[in-house]
């Protein structure tokens, strides 16, 4: 926005220069004061008009230099207030530098659209209220220009024009200030999120990994410690990554839903631990993996005679996902399994179709582990 305003200053200055140059030429060639058309009003004070053009040029140069070296200067109160004062001066002095008959006509104004630029600058610096207050002052400045232009034949349309000017620039200032407030809010949220992400990356590689390892290794021997590690993991993850990692579109939500469907009519202990921060797998791949996890849990419930099932899902540093479904059931000979067990048709084929892979590790009497990867 600061760059856009810098460009707007140059465009306004070029237009102002053209207006003053043409009007000054008209003064020399064939002055026509009180021109009824008002389309080619001459300058009464070309020197003052030229000084105003130079002032706007200096503001444009200063803004351009600041954009390239230190943009924060353009957000300082002194710069914004100076620009607002210059805009009001241009609006008021417009009626003085031109011959009578200039105001309320079709001739170009000395200020052109500079008050709009000043309203934007004040809005970015001070917010909506100050910018709106400035915009309302543009109307009285225009009224002063009317007085300086020696206009006295007021009618309702003239007063309405001045009022509309105040309302328009006041609304424009409020809009720019509101937009600046939103930008600052978003900027703060982005900064906070980046800080959380950085802390999250560090803790993911240390504390969260340790908690997941403790939960996994103590799941059978010390259920209370495993539950404490799981709760600590969830609390810390919720603090670091917020509700976004728990929304209905997340990998964790899909995995937990698949596990709940598989165990809804069975009384079995299922431990689910999902570390899905940083997951960059496509939604189709996430759903395929969640479906394969659900099928693996279904097989364990129906065929393994298991007392406990542990589901572990983790996203690695590359954004790919690994999942493990492990049970303490009867196990089987994985090399002789048939499609009827739901492994070939519902797990391997599902993962293959999504560009992933599956591996089943099982020994009769020693339980089963289904391992899944997205690639």
Protein backbone atom coordinates (compact mmCIF):
# COMPACT_ATOMS: atom_id res chain seq x y z
CA UNK A 1 0.00 0.00 0.00
CA UNK A 2 2.86 2.38 0.70
CA UNK A 3 4.26 1.67 -2.77
CA UNK A 4 0.85 2.26 -4.33
CA UNK A 5 0.60 5.62 -2.55
CA UNK A 6 4.09 6.54 -3.76
CA UNK A 7 3.00 5.92 -7.35
CA UNK A 8 -0.24 7.86 -6.76
CA UNK A 9 1.76 10.88 -5.55
CA UNK A 10 3.73 10.96 -8.78
CA UNK A 11 0.60 10.64 -10.90
CA UNK A 12 -1.07 13.42 -8.92
CA UNK A 13 1.97 15.63 -9.24
CA UNK A 14 2.14 15.13 -13.00
CA UNK A 15 -1.54 16.01 -13.31
CA UNK A 16 -1.10 19.07 -11.07
CA UNK A 17 1.91 20.20 -13.09
CA UNK A 18 -0.14 19.91 -16.25
CA UNK A 19 -3.03 21.91 -14.77
CA UNK A 20 -0.74 24.72 -13.59
CA UNK A 21 1.26 24.77 -16.81
CA UNK A 22 -1.82 24.99 -19.03
CA UNK A 23 -3.47 27.58 -16.77
CA UNK A 24 -0.29 29.69 -16.62
CA UNK A 25 0.00 29.57 -20.42
CA UNK A 26 -3.59 30.70 -20.70
CA UNK A 27 -2.80 33.66 -18.43
CA UNK A 28 -0.05 34.81 -20.74
CA UNK A 29 -1.82 34.20 -24.05
CA UNK A 30 -5.38 35.36 -23.52
CA UNK A 31 -6.61 35.68 -19.98
CA UNK A 32 -10.33 35.19 -19.64
CA UNK A 33 -11.36 35.91 -16.04
CA UNK A 34 -14.89 34.92 -15.14
CA UNK A 35 -15.01 32.53 -18.09
CA UNK A 36 -18.61 31.26 -17.98
CA UNK A 37 -17.61 27.78 -19.01
CA UNK A 38 -15.00 27.56 -16.29
CA UNK A 39 -13.15 25.08 -18.48
CA UNK A 40 -10.05 27.18 -18.95
CA UNK A 41 -9.79 29.45 -15.93
CA UNK A 42 -6.56 31.45 -15.71
CA UNK A 43 -4.17 31.73 -12.79
CA UNK A 44 -4.15 34.84 -10.62
CA UNK A 45 -1.06 33.78 -8.70
CA UNK A 46 1.06 31.48 -10.86
CA UNK A 47 4.05 31.78 -8.51
CA UNK A 48 2.05 30.46 -5.53
CA UNK A 49 0.63 27.67 -7.69
CA UNK A 50 4.17 26.77 -8.76
CA UNK A 51 5.28 26.65 -5.13
CA UNK A 52 2.43 24.21 -4.40
CA UNK A 53 3.54 22.03 -7.30
CA UNK A 54 7.08 22.02 -5.92
CA UNK A 55 5.83 21.05 -2.44
CA UNK A 56 3.95 18.07 -3.86
CA UNK A 57 7.02 17.13 -5.87
CA UNK A 58 9.13 17.17 -2.68
CA UNK A 59 6.57 14.93 -0.93
CA UNK A 60 6.64 12.50 -3.86
CA UNK A 61 10.45 12.41 -3.88
CA UNK A 62 10.64 11.97 -0.09
CA UNK A 63 8.12 9.12 -0.20
CA UNK A 64 9.94 7.38 -3.05
CA UNK A 65 13.31 7.64 -1.30
CA UNK A 66 11.78 6.35 1.94
CA UNK A 67 10.20 3.38 0.17
CA UNK A 68 13.62 2.32 -1.08
CA UNK A 69 15.56 3.00 2.12
CA UNK A 70 13.32 2.93 5.22
CA UNK A 71 9.55 2.55 4.55
CA UNK A 72 8.78 2.93 8.27
CA UNK A 73 9.38 6.66 7.88
CA UNK A 74 6.16 6.92 5.88
CA UNK A 75 4.24 5.55 8.88
CA UNK A 76 5.52 8.20 11.25
CA UNK A 77 2.98 10.75 12.51
CA UNK A 78 5.06 13.72 11.34
CA UNK A 79 5.00 12.62 7.70
CA UNK A 80 1.28 11.79 7.69
CA UNK A 81 0.35 15.05 9.44
CA UNK A 82 2.50 17.05 7.05
CA UNK A 83 0.82 15.39 4.10
CA UNK A 84 -2.63 16.04 5.57
CA UNK A 85 -1.78 19.71 6.16
CA UNK A 86 -0.47 20.04 2.59
CA UNK A 87 -3.65 18.48 1.20
CA UNK A 88 -5.87 20.89 3.15
CA UNK A 89 -3.67 23.81 2.07
CA UNK A 90 -3.98 22.81 -1.58
CA UNK A 91 -7.75 22.47 -1.25
CA UNK A 92 -8.11 25.90 0.37
CA UNK A 93 -5.61 27.80 -1.76
CA UNK A 94 -7.14 26.50 -4.97
CA UNK A 95 -9.76 29.26 -4.97
CA UNK A 96 -7.13 31.94 -4.40
CA UNK A 97 -4.61 31.08 -7.11
CA UNK A 98 -7.27 30.86 -9.84
CA UNK A 99 -9.36 33.73 -11.19
CA UNK A 100 -12.93 34.14 -9.94
CA UNK A 101 -15.33 31.73 -11.57
CA UNK A 102 -13.09 28.72 -11.01
CA UNK A 103 -14.98 27.00 -8.18
CA UNK A 104 -18.02 24.83 -8.80
CA UNK A 105 -17.08 24.60 -12.46
CA UNK A 106 -15.51 21.94 -14.67
CA UNK A 107 -11.96 23.29 -14.54
CA UNK A 108 -9.33 21.16 -12.83
CA UNK A 109 -8.49 21.75 -9.18
CA UNK A 110 -5.00 22.53 -7.96
CA UNK A 111 -5.34 19.85 -5.28
CA UNK A 112 -6.66 17.23 -7.79
CA UNK A 113 -6.87 14.00 -5.76
CA UNK A 114 -4.15 14.79 -3.23
CA UNK A 115 -6.63 14.88 -0.29
CA UNK A 116 -7.46 11.23 -1.07
CA UNK A 117 -3.77 10.32 -0.86
CA UNK A 118 -3.48 12.20 2.45
CA UNK A 119 -6.54 10.38 3.80
CA UNK A 120 -4.92 7.05 2.94
CA UNK A 121 -1.62 8.09 4.52
CA UNK A 122 -3.33 9.24 7.73
CA UNK A 123 -5.44 6.07 7.81
CA UNK A 124 -2.37 3.85 7.57
CA UNK A 125 -0.62 5.81 10.32
CA UNK A 126 -3.37 6.69 12.80
CA UNK A 127 -6.29 4.44 11.99
CA UNK A 128 -9.87 5.18 10.89
CA UNK A 129 -10.91 7.91 13.33
CA UNK A 130 -8.13 10.38 12.62
CA UNK A 131 -8.33 9.74 8.88
CA UNK A 132 -12.11 10.22 8.93
CA UNK A 133 -11.69 13.46 10.87
CA UNK A 134 -9.23 14.71 8.27
CA UNK A 135 -11.61 13.77 5.47
CA UNK A 136 -14.41 15.78 7.04
CA UNK A 137 -12.09 18.82 7.12
CA UNK A 138 -11.70 18.71 3.35
CA UNK A 139 -15.23 20.13 2.98
CA UNK A 140 -14.49 23.27 5.05
CA UNK A 141 -11.18 23.66 3.17
CA UNK A 142 -13.13 23.60 -0.09
CA UNK A 143 -15.54 26.18 1.37
CA UNK A 144 -12.54 28.41 2.17
CA UNK A 145 -11.44 28.00 -1.45
CA UNK A 146 -14.90 29.16 -2.53
CA UNK A 147 -14.62 32.25 -0.35
CA UNK A 148 -11.12 33.02 -1.62
CA UNK A 149 -12.42 32.67 -5.16
CA UNK A 150 -14.88 35.50 -4.39
CA UNK A 151 -17.94 33.33 -4.93
CA UNK A 152 -21.11 34.45 -3.14
CA UNK A 153 -24.07 33.19 -5.14
CA UNK A 154 -24.70 30.11 -2.96
CA UNK A 155 -27.59 27.79 -3.59
CA UNK A 156 -28.66 24.43 -2.20
CA UNK A 157 -26.59 22.49 -4.72
CA UNK A 158 -23.43 24.36 -3.68
CA UNK A 159 -23.91 23.57 0.01
CA UNK A 160 -24.75 19.99 -0.86
CA UNK A 161 -21.53 19.74 -2.91
CA UNK A 162 -19.44 20.91 0.05
CA UNK A 163 -21.23 18.52 2.41
CA UNK A 164 -20.78 15.63 -0.02
CA UNK A 165 -17.08 16.43 -0.24
CA UNK A 166 -16.71 16.09 3.54
CA UNK A 167 -18.72 12.88 3.61
CA UNK A 168 -16.80 11.32 0.73
CA UNK A 169 -13.32 12.04 2.07
CA UNK A 170 -14.39 11.20 5.63
CA UNK A 171 -15.64 7.81 4.46
CA UNK A 172 -12.50 7.27 2.39
CA UNK A 173 -10.30 8.04 5.38
CA UNK A 174 -12.27 5.68 7.61
CA UNK A 175 -12.02 2.95 4.98
CA UNK A 176 -8.27 3.32 4.62
CA UNK A 177 -7.84 3.37 8.40
CA UNK A 178 -9.99 0.27 8.83
CA UNK A 179 -7.99 -1.54 6.17
CA UNK A 180 -4.76 -0.57 7.92
CA UNK A 181 -6.12 -1.92 11.21
CA UNK A 182 -6.94 -5.24 9.54
CA UNK A 183 -3.48 -5.41 7.97
CA UNK A 184 -1.80 -4.81 11.32
CA UNK A 185 -3.96 -7.46 12.95
CA UNK A 186 -3.11 -10.00 10.27
CA UNK A 187 0.56 -9.06 10.47
CA UNK A 188 0.51 -9.69 14.22
CA UNK A 189 -1.27 -13.01 13.79
CA UNK A 190 1.24 -14.11 11.16
CA UNK A 191 4.14 -13.15 13.43
CA UNK A 192 2.59 -15.07 16.34
CA UNK A 193 1.98 -18.10 14.15
CA UNK A 194 5.55 -18.06 12.84
CA UNK A 195 6.84 -17.92 16.41
CA UNK A 196 4.60 -20.83 17.39
CA UNK A 197 5.69 -22.81 14.34
CA UNK A 198 9.33 -22.27 15.22
CA UNK A 199 8.78 -23.35 18.82
CA UNK A 200 6.64 -26.21 17.57
CA UNK A 201 9.39 -27.47 15.28
CA UNK A 202 11.88 -27.46 18.13
CA UNK A 203 9.51 -29.17 20.55
CA UNK A 204 8.37 -31.63 17.89
CA UNK A 205 11.93 -32.86 17.53
CA UNK A 206 12.41 -33.11 21.30
CA UNK A 207 9.53 -33.09 23.77
CA UNK A 208 6.70 -34.31 21.52
CA UNK A 209 8.82 -37.10 20.07
CA UNK A 210 9.82 -38.16 23.58
CA UNK A 211 6.21 -38.15 24.81
CA UNK A 212 5.13 -40.23 21.82
CA UNK A 213 7.95 -42.70 22.44
CA UNK A 214 7.06 -42.96 26.15
CA UNK A 215 3.42 -43.56 25.28
CA UNK A 216 4.26 -46.20 22.72
CA UNK A 217 6.70 -48.14 24.92
CA UNK A 218 4.62 -48.02 28.08
CA UNK A 219 1.27 -48.78 26.45
CA UNK A 220 1.31 -52.38 27.64
CA UNK A 221 3.44 -52.23 30.79
CA UNK A 222 2.31 -49.00 32.39
CA UNK A 223 -1.07 -47.76 31.06
CA UNK A 224 -1.21 -44.84 33.52
CA UNK A 225 2.15 -43.48 32.36
CA UNK A 226 1.07 -43.95 28.74
CA UNK A 227 -2.16 -42.06 29.38
CA UNK A 228 -0.27 -39.24 31.15
CA UNK A 229 2.15 -38.98 28.21
CA UNK A 230 -0.76 -38.91 25.77
CA UNK A 231 -2.56 -36.17 27.69
CA UNK A 232 0.62 -34.10 27.96
CA UNK A 233 1.21 -34.55 24.23
CA UNK A 234 -2.31 -33.38 23.37
CA UNK A 235 -2.21 -30.38 25.71
CA UNK A 236 1.15 -29.23 24.42
CA UNK A 237 0.13 -29.77 20.79
CA UNK A 238 -3.11 -27.85 21.31
CA UNK A 239 -1.16 -24.95 22.80
CA UNK A 240 1.41 -24.92 20.00
CA UNK A 241 -0.76 -25.55 16.98
CA UNK A 242 -4.20 -24.41 18.13
CA UNK A 243 -7.53 -25.72 17.00
CA UNK A 244 -6.50 -25.80 13.34
CA UNK A 245 -4.71 -29.11 13.83
CA UNK A 246 -7.90 -30.53 15.31
CA UNK A 247 -10.44 -29.42 12.73
CA UNK A 248 -12.64 -31.77 10.82
CA UNK A 249 -10.32 -31.74 7.80
CA UNK A 250 -7.18 -32.81 9.71
CA UNK A 251 -5.41 -36.13 9.37
CA UNK A 252 -5.97 -36.84 13.06
CA UNK A 253 -9.71 -36.33 12.72
CA UNK A 254 -9.86 -38.72 9.75
CA UNK A 255 -7.82 -41.40 11.55
CA UNK A 256 -9.80 -41.15 14.77
CA UNK A 257 -13.09 -41.31 12.87
CA UNK A 258 -11.93 -44.44 11.02
CA UNK A 259 -10.87 -46.10 14.29
CA UNK A 260 -14.15 -45.19 15.98
CA UNK A 261 -16.13 -46.72 13.12
CA UNK A 262 -14.07 -49.91 13.30
CA UNK A 263 -14.53 -50.31 17.07
CA UNK A 264 -17.99 -48.84 17.58
CA UNK A 265 -19.60 -52.22 18.37
CA UNK A 266 -16.67 -53.80 20.19
CA UNK A 267 -15.32 -53.40 23.71
CA UNK A 268 -11.59 -53.21 23.11
CA UNK A 269 -8.81 -50.96 24.34
CA UNK A 270 -7.51 -48.82 21.45
CA UNK A 271 -4.76 -46.24 21.94
CA UNK A 272 -4.57 -43.64 19.16
CA UNK A 273 -1.69 -41.18 18.89
CA UNK A 274 -1.48 -38.92 15.83
CA UNK A 275 1.25 -36.34 15.19
CA UNK A 276 -0.02 -34.57 12.10
CA UNK A 277 1.64 -31.13 12.25
CA UNK A 278 3.42 -30.33 9.00
CA UNK A 279 1.44 -32.88 6.99
CA UNK A 280 1.60 -31.91 3.32
CA UNK A 281 0.00 -35.04 1.87
CA UNK A 282 -2.96 -34.43 -0.42
CA UNK A 283 -6.43 -34.87 1.07
CA UNK A 284 -7.01 -37.99 -1.05
CA UNK A 285 -3.85 -39.60 0.32
CA UNK A 286 -4.78 -38.71 3.90
CA UNK A 287 -8.21 -40.27 3.48
CA UNK A 288 -6.70 -43.36 1.86
CA UNK A 289 -4.30 -43.77 4.79
CA UNK A 290 -7.09 -43.21 7.33
CA UNK A 291 -9.22 -45.82 5.53
CA UNK A 292 -6.35 -48.30 5.56
CA UNK A 293 -5.84 -47.67 9.28
CA UNK A 294 -9.53 -48.29 9.89
CA UNK A 295 -9.40 -51.53 7.93
CA UNK A 296 -6.34 -52.68 9.86
CA UNK A 297 -8.14 -51.99 13.13
CA UNK A 298 -11.22 -53.85 11.85
CA UNK A 299 -9.07 -56.88 11.01
CA UNK A 300 -7.48 -56.79 14.46
CA UNK A 301 -10.89 -56.60 16.13
CA UNK A 302 -12.47 -59.37 14.07
CA UNK A 303 -9.64 -61.82 13.53
CA UNK A 304 -6.78 -61.22 15.97
CA UNK A 305 -8.60 -61.77 19.29
CA UNK A 306 -6.59 -58.82 20.56
CA UNK A 307 -6.95 -57.21 23.96
CA UNK A 308 -5.22 -54.00 22.95
CA UNK A 309 -4.58 -52.09 19.73
CA UNK A 310 -2.12 -49.22 19.36
CA UNK A 311 -2.48 -46.82 16.44
CA UNK A 312 0.43 -44.48 15.85
CA UNK A 313 0.56 -41.91 13.00
CA UNK A 314 3.36 -39.41 12.46
CA UNK A 315 4.38 -36.88 9.84
CA UNK A 316 8.10 -36.76 9.11
CA UNK A 317 10.22 -33.71 8.31
CA UNK A 318 9.48 -34.09 4.58
CA UNK A 319 5.74 -33.90 5.21
CA UNK A 320 5.13 -37.58 4.46
CA UNK A 321 3.06 -39.75 6.79
CA UNK A 322 3.85 -43.06 8.50
CA UNK A 323 1.17 -45.07 10.30
CA UNK A 324 1.38 -48.17 12.46
CA UNK A 325 -1.48 -50.36 13.69
CA UNK A 326 -0.19 -52.89 16.24
CA UNK A 327 -2.16 -55.45 18.21
CA UNK A 328 -1.34 -58.12 20.81
CA UNK A 329 -3.51 -60.76 19.18
CA UNK A 330 -2.88 -64.26 17.89
CA UNK A 331 -0.96 -63.19 14.82
CA UNK A 332 -0.74 -65.11 11.56
CA UNK A 333 1.56 -66.10 8.74
CA UNK A 334 1.71 -62.88 6.72
CA UNK A 335 3.21 -64.65 3.69
CA UNK A 336 0.14 -66.89 3.34
CA UNK A 337 -2.62 -64.34 3.94
CA UNK A 338 -5.49 -64.21 1.44
CA UNK A 339 -7.46 -61.28 0.13
CA UNK A 340 -10.40 -62.32 2.28
CA UNK A 341 -8.61 -61.01 5.35
CA UNK A 342 -9.08 -57.48 3.99
CA UNK A 343 -5.36 -56.89 3.74
CA UNK A 344 -4.72 -57.26 0.04
CA UNK A 345 -7.97 -55.67 -1.10
CA UNK A 346 -8.60 -52.99 1.50
CA UNK A 347 -5.14 -52.07 2.73
CA UNK A 348 -2.45 -52.74 0.13
CA UNK A 349 -4.60 -51.88 -2.88
CA UNK A 350 -5.93 -48.76 -1.17
CA UNK A 351 -2.43 -47.50 -0.42
CA UNK A 352 -1.14 -48.44 -3.89
CA UNK A 353 -3.97 -46.49 -5.51
CA UNK A 354 -3.02 -43.43 -3.44
CA UNK A 355 0.66 -43.73 -4.32
CA UNK A 356 1.65 -45.15 -0.93
CA UNK A 357 2.67 -48.54 0.31
CA UNK A 358 1.80 -51.00 3.06
CA UNK A 359 3.75 -53.62 4.98
CA UNK A 360 2.37 -56.30 7.31
CA UNK A 361 4.58 -57.81 10.00
CA UNK A 362 3.07 -60.73 11.94
CA UNK A 363 4.09 -63.91 13.68
CA UNK A 364 1.66 -66.55 14.93
CA UNK A 365 1.15 -66.00 18.66
CA UNK A 366 3.06 -62.68 18.70
CA UNK A 367 0.57 -60.16 17.37
CA UNK A 368 0.48 -58.12 14.15
CA UNK A 369 1.69 -54.73 13.00
CA UNK A 370 0.44 -53.03 9.84
CA UNK A 371 2.76 -50.28 8.61
CA UNK A 372 1.63 -47.65 6.11
CA UNK A 373 3.44 -44.88 4.26
CA UNK A 374 2.35 -42.07 1.99
CA UNK A 375 4.86 -41.12 -0.70
